[in-house]
């Protein structure tokens, strides 16, 4: 069985940060309305972004949600009894 996982498009956060001239994770997180720790979890650890996270990026940079989020089918581990 597979599950669909949403994720921020690869490299998008780094490009937005670089192109906006924002030089710290704290300032970038504030610009998109999230915490630095959430930014790091989504960007560096591949955590699934919340809708609020994606909307924060969309509002801050004038992007559509489809430009921010993509998805992949993930294989769920089967647990056998």
Protein backbone atom coordinates (compact mmCIF):
# COMPACT_ATOMS: atom_id res chain seq x y z
CA UNK A 1 0.00 0.00 0.00
CA UNK A 2 1.31 3.48 -0.76
CA UNK A 3 0.63 6.89 0.71
CA UNK A 4 1.07 10.24 -0.98
CA UNK A 5 3.46 12.64 0.73
CA UNK A 6 3.50 16.36 -0.01
CA UNK A 7 6.87 18.09 -0.13
CA UNK A 8 8.29 21.47 -1.01
CA UNK A 9 9.78 21.42 -4.49
CA UNK A 10 13.49 20.55 -4.28
CA UNK A 11 15.73 23.60 -3.99
CA UNK A 12 12.84 26.09 -3.90
CA UNK A 13 13.44 27.37 -0.38
CA UNK A 14 17.15 27.94 -0.99
CA UNK A 15 16.42 29.78 -4.27
CA UNK A 16 13.77 31.99 -2.68
CA UNK A 17 16.04 32.84 0.24
CA UNK A 18 19.00 33.61 -2.04
CA UNK A 19 16.98 35.61 -4.59
CA UNK A 20 15.23 37.66 -1.91
CA UNK A 21 18.52 38.67 -0.33
CA UNK A 22 17.51 37.27 3.04
CA UNK A 23 20.65 35.99 4.70
CA UNK A 24 19.45 34.21 7.83
CA UNK A 25 17.11 31.30 8.47
CA UNK A 26 15.44 33.30 11.24
CA UNK A 27 14.59 36.18 8.88
CA UNK A 28 13.45 33.82 6.12
CA UNK A 29 11.24 31.88 8.53
CA UNK A 30 9.70 35.13 9.78
CA UNK A 31 9.05 36.23 6.17
CA UNK A 32 7.02 33.09 5.51
CA UNK A 33 5.31 33.11 8.90
CA UNK A 34 6.88 30.08 10.51
CA UNK A 35 9.54 29.23 13.05
CA UNK A 36 13.16 28.53 12.23
CA UNK A 37 12.81 25.01 13.60
CA UNK A 38 9.86 24.26 11.30
CA UNK A 39 11.76 25.71 8.34
CA UNK A 40 14.74 23.44 9.09
CA UNK A 41 12.55 20.35 9.51
CA UNK A 42 10.81 20.93 6.17
CA UNK A 43 13.89 22.06 4.24
CA UNK A 44 16.61 19.84 5.65
CA UNK A 45 14.78 16.79 6.95
CA UNK A 46 12.07 16.49 4.31
CA UNK A 47 9.19 16.84 6.76
CA UNK A 48 5.82 17.21 5.07
CA UNK A 49 4.90 20.92 5.04
CA UNK A 50 1.66 22.08 6.58
CA UNK A 51 -0.86 24.01 4.51
CA UNK A 52 -0.04 27.10 6.60
CA UNK A 53 3.66 26.70 5.71
CA UNK A 54 2.88 26.51 1.97
CA UNK A 55 0.45 29.43 2.14
CA UNK A 56 3.08 31.50 3.96
CA UNK A 57 5.52 30.95 1.09
CA UNK A 58 2.80 31.70 -1.47
CA UNK A 59 1.86 34.98 0.20
CA UNK A 60 5.44 36.09 0.82
CA UNK A 61 6.64 35.43 -2.71
CA UNK A 62 3.51 35.66 -4.86
CA UNK A 63 3.53 32.01 -5.88
CA UNK A 64 0.74 29.53 -6.44
CA UNK A 65 0.58 26.45 -4.25
CA UNK A 66 1.36 24.25 -7.25
CA UNK A 67 4.64 26.12 -7.67
CA UNK A 68 5.59 25.34 -4.08
CA UNK A 69 4.39 21.84 -3.32
CA UNK A 70 4.83 18.58 -5.16
CA UNK A 71 4.07 15.07 -4.03
CA UNK A 72 5.43 11.56 -4.19
CA UNK A 73 3.94 8.17 -3.50
CA UNK A 74 5.65 6.61 -0.53
CA UNK A 75 5.64 2.89 0.17
CA UNK A 76 4.19 2.16 3.57
CA UNK A 77 5.96 -0.49 5.58
CA UNK A 78 3.84 -3.53 6.11
CA UNK A 79 3.64 -4.77 9.64
CA UNK A 80 3.08 -8.48 9.85
CA UNK A 81 1.59 -10.04 12.92
